[in-house]
Amino acid sequence: MGRLPERLVPIYDIIGHYHMTTCPDLRIGQLFSNFQAWLEKEVGTDIYYLEDYRFLEYLEKYLDTLEKKEINK
């Protein structure tokens, strides 16, 4: 049995909220490209292999680093 498509709705809601409140000037491709680079450098893993819950966990950590950079400008 495959993954349930219904699981995607809350995930996209969370991603959209983070994107709109943390870095709305970034295009979606920029957000994910920058996140992937950060993930490889800071965590040492590939975005391709992450389960959804880990993706969101690491995305939150990544966006926290963006917020801290903005605060320290």
N, C-alpha and C. Protein backbone atom coordinates (compact mmCIF):
# COMPACT_ATOMS: atom_id res chain seq x y z
N MET A 1 0.83 -1.18 0.00
CA MET A 1 0.00 0.00 0.00
C MET A 1 0.88 1.25 0.00
N GLY A 2 0.50 2.24 -0.78
CA GLY A 2 1.27 3.47 -0.88
C GLY A 2 0.95 4.45 0.24
N ARG A 3 1.57 5.58 0.17
CA ARG A 3 1.33 6.63 1.15
C ARG A 3 -0.02 7.29 0.90
N LEU A 4 -0.62 7.76 1.95
CA LEU A 4 -1.93 8.40 1.85
C LEU A 4 -1.77 9.84 1.35
N PRO A 5 -2.43 10.18 0.25
CA PRO A 5 -2.32 11.55 -0.27
C PRO A 5 -2.83 12.61 0.71
N GLU A 6 -3.74 12.24 1.58
CA GLU A 6 -4.30 13.19 2.54
C GLU A 6 -3.24 13.78 3.47
N ARG A 7 -2.13 13.07 3.64
CA ARG A 7 -1.07 13.55 4.53
C ARG A 7 -0.44 14.83 4.01
N LEU A 8 -0.61 15.11 2.72
CA LEU A 8 0.05 16.25 2.10
C LEU A 8 -0.57 17.59 2.46
N VAL A 9 -1.86 17.63 2.70
CA VAL A 9 -2.54 18.90 2.96
C VAL A 9 -1.94 19.63 4.17
N PRO A 10 -1.82 18.99 5.34
CA PRO A 10 -1.23 19.72 6.46
C PRO A 10 0.24 20.07 6.22
N ILE A 11 0.94 19.23 5.49
CA ILE A 11 2.35 19.52 5.20
C ILE A 11 2.47 20.78 4.37
N TYR A 12 1.67 20.89 3.31
CA TYR A 12 1.71 22.08 2.46
C TYR A 12 1.22 23.31 3.21
N ASP A 13 0.26 23.14 4.10
CA ASP A 13 -0.19 24.26 4.93
C ASP A 13 0.96 24.79 5.78
N ILE A 14 1.70 23.89 6.40
CA ILE A 14 2.83 24.27 7.25
C ILE A 14 3.91 24.95 6.42
N ILE A 15 4.27 24.35 5.29
CA ILE A 15 5.30 24.93 4.42
C ILE A 15 4.86 26.32 3.95
N GLY A 16 3.61 26.46 3.53
CA GLY A 16 3.11 27.75 3.08
C GLY A 16 3.17 28.80 4.18
N HIS A 17 2.78 28.42 5.38
CA HIS A 17 2.83 29.35 6.51
C HIS A 17 4.27 29.81 6.76
N TYR A 18 5.21 28.85 6.84
CA TYR A 18 6.61 29.21 7.05
C TYR A 18 7.12 30.12 5.95
N HIS A 19 6.79 29.79 4.71
CA HIS A 19 7.28 30.56 3.57
C HIS A 19 6.73 31.99 3.64
N MET A 20 5.44 32.13 3.89
CA MET A 20 4.82 33.46 3.91
C MET A 20 5.29 34.31 5.08
N THR A 21 5.59 33.69 6.21
CA THR A 21 5.95 34.47 7.40
C THR A 21 7.45 34.65 7.59
N THR A 22 8.25 33.78 7.00
CA THR A 22 9.69 33.82 7.23
C THR A 22 10.46 34.43 6.07
N CYS A 23 10.09 34.06 4.86
CA CYS A 23 10.88 34.50 3.70
C CYS A 23 9.99 34.66 2.46
N PRO A 24 9.00 35.54 2.52
CA PRO A 24 8.05 35.66 1.42
C PRO A 24 8.65 36.20 0.13
N ASP A 25 9.82 36.83 0.21
CA ASP A 25 10.45 37.37 -1.00
C ASP A 25 11.11 36.28 -1.84
N LEU A 26 11.36 35.12 -1.24
CA LEU A 26 11.97 34.03 -2.00
C LEU A 26 10.93 33.34 -2.87
N ARG A 27 11.34 33.01 -4.09
CA ARG A 27 10.50 32.15 -4.92
C ARG A 27 10.58 30.74 -4.33
N ILE A 28 9.58 29.93 -4.61
CA ILE A 28 9.52 28.58 -4.01
C ILE A 28 10.76 27.76 -4.36
N GLY A 29 11.23 27.90 -5.60
CA GLY A 29 12.43 27.18 -6.01
C GLY A 29 13.66 27.63 -5.24
N GLN A 30 13.73 28.92 -4.96
CA GLN A 30 14.86 29.44 -4.17
C GLN A 30 14.81 28.89 -2.75
N LEU A 31 13.61 28.88 -2.18
CA LEU A 31 13.46 28.36 -0.82
C LEU A 31 13.94 26.92 -0.75
N PHE A 32 13.47 26.07 -1.65
CA PHE A 32 13.83 24.66 -1.60
C PHE A 32 15.28 24.41 -2.00
N SER A 33 15.79 25.17 -2.94
CA SER A 33 17.20 25.03 -3.33
C SER A 33 18.12 25.41 -2.17
N ASN A 34 17.82 26.54 -1.53
CA ASN A 34 18.62 26.98 -0.38
C ASN A 34 18.50 26.00 0.78
N PHE A 35 17.29 25.49 0.99
CA PHE A 35 17.08 24.51 2.05
C PHE A 35 17.86 23.24 1.78
N GLN A 36 17.84 22.78 0.54
CA GLN A 36 18.58 21.57 0.20
C GLN A 36 20.07 21.75 0.44
N ALA A 37 20.62 22.90 0.05
CA ALA A 37 22.05 23.17 0.26
C ALA A 37 22.37 23.20 1.75
N TRP A 38 21.51 23.87 2.53
CA TRP A 38 21.70 23.93 3.98
C TRP A 38 21.64 22.54 4.59
N LEU A 39 20.67 21.74 4.15
CA LEU A 39 20.48 20.39 4.66
C LEU A 39 21.71 19.52 4.42
N GLU A 40 22.26 19.60 3.24
CA GLU A 40 23.46 18.81 2.92
C GLU A 40 24.64 19.26 3.75
N LYS A 41 24.81 20.58 3.92
CA LYS A 41 25.95 21.11 4.66
C LYS A 41 25.82 20.90 6.17
N GLU A 42 24.66 21.26 6.71
CA GLU A 42 24.49 21.27 8.17
C GLU A 42 24.07 19.92 8.75
N VAL A 43 23.33 19.15 8.00
CA VAL A 43 22.79 17.89 8.53
C VAL A 43 23.51 16.69 7.91
N GLY A 44 24.00 16.88 6.69
CA GLY A 44 24.70 15.80 6.01
C GLY A 44 23.78 14.76 5.42
N THR A 45 22.61 15.19 4.99
CA THR A 45 21.68 14.26 4.38
C THR A 45 21.11 14.84 3.10
N ASP A 46 20.52 13.99 2.32
CA ASP A 46 19.93 14.37 1.05
C ASP A 46 18.42 14.52 1.23
N ILE A 47 17.87 15.58 0.69
CA ILE A 47 16.44 15.87 0.80
C ILE A 47 15.59 14.72 0.26
N TYR A 48 16.11 14.01 -0.70
CA TYR A 48 15.37 12.95 -1.38
C TYR A 48 14.94 11.83 -0.42
N TYR A 49 15.75 11.57 0.59
CA TYR A 49 15.50 10.43 1.46
C TYR A 49 14.73 10.77 2.74
N LEU A 50 14.39 12.02 2.93
CA LEU A 50 13.72 12.42 4.18
C LEU A 50 12.26 12.01 4.19
N GLU A 51 11.83 11.48 5.31
CA GLU A 51 10.40 11.29 5.54
C GLU A 51 9.79 12.66 5.77
N ASP A 52 8.50 12.77 5.57
CA ASP A 52 7.82 14.06 5.66
C ASP A 52 8.04 14.74 7.00
N TYR A 53 7.94 13.99 8.09
CA TYR A 53 8.08 14.60 9.41
C TYR A 53 9.49 15.14 9.61
N ARG A 54 10.50 14.45 9.08
CA ARG A 54 11.89 14.94 9.18
C ARG A 54 12.08 16.17 8.29
N PHE A 55 11.48 16.15 7.11
CA PHE A 55 11.55 17.30 6.21
C PHE A 55 11.05 18.55 6.94
N LEU A 56 9.90 18.44 7.58
CA LEU A 56 9.33 19.59 8.30
C LEU A 56 10.19 19.98 9.49
N GLU A 57 10.73 19.01 10.19
CA GLU A 57 11.60 19.28 11.34
C GLU A 57 12.81 20.09 10.90
N TYR A 58 13.48 19.65 9.84
CA TYR A 58 14.67 20.34 9.36
C TYR A 58 14.33 21.67 8.69
N LEU A 59 13.20 21.74 8.01
CA LEU A 59 12.79 23.00 7.40
C LEU A 59 12.58 24.06 8.48
N GLU A 60 11.96 23.67 9.58
CA GLU A 60 11.75 24.61 10.68
C GLU A 60 13.09 25.11 11.22
N LYS A 61 14.05 24.22 11.39
CA LYS A 61 15.38 24.62 11.86
C LYS A 61 16.05 25.57 10.86
N TYR A 62 15.93 25.25 9.57
CA TYR A 62 16.51 26.10 8.54
C TYR A 62 15.88 27.49 8.56
N LEU A 63 14.56 27.55 8.64
CA LEU A 63 13.88 28.85 8.64
C LEU A 63 14.19 29.64 9.90
N ASP A 64 14.43 28.95 11.00
CA ASP A 64 14.87 29.64 12.22
C ASP A 64 16.20 30.33 11.99
N THR A 65 17.09 29.69 11.23
CA THR A 65 18.38 30.34 10.94
C THR A 65 18.17 31.58 10.08
N LEU A 66 17.20 31.56 9.18
CA LEU A 66 16.92 32.75 8.36
C LEU A 66 16.38 33.87 9.23
N GLU A 67 15.49 33.54 10.16
CA GLU A 67 14.94 34.56 11.05
C GLU A 67 16.03 35.19 11.89
N LYS A 68 16.97 34.39 12.40
CA LYS A 68 18.06 34.92 13.22
C LYS A 68 18.96 35.82 12.40
N LYS A 69 19.20 35.48 11.14
CA LYS A 69 20.01 36.34 10.28
C LYS A 69 19.34 37.68 10.07
N GLU A 70 18.02 37.68 9.89
CA GLU A 70 17.27 38.92 9.71
C GLU A 70 17.33 39.79 10.96
N ILE A 71 17.22 39.17 12.11
CA ILE A 71 17.23 39.90 13.38
C ILE A 71 18.60 40.54 13.61
N ASN A 72 19.67 39.84 13.21
CA ASN A 72 21.02 40.32 13.47
C ASN A 72 21.55 41.27 12.41
N LYS A 73 20.75 41.64 11.45
CA LYS A 73 21.21 42.58 10.41
C LYS A 73 21.39 43.96 10.97
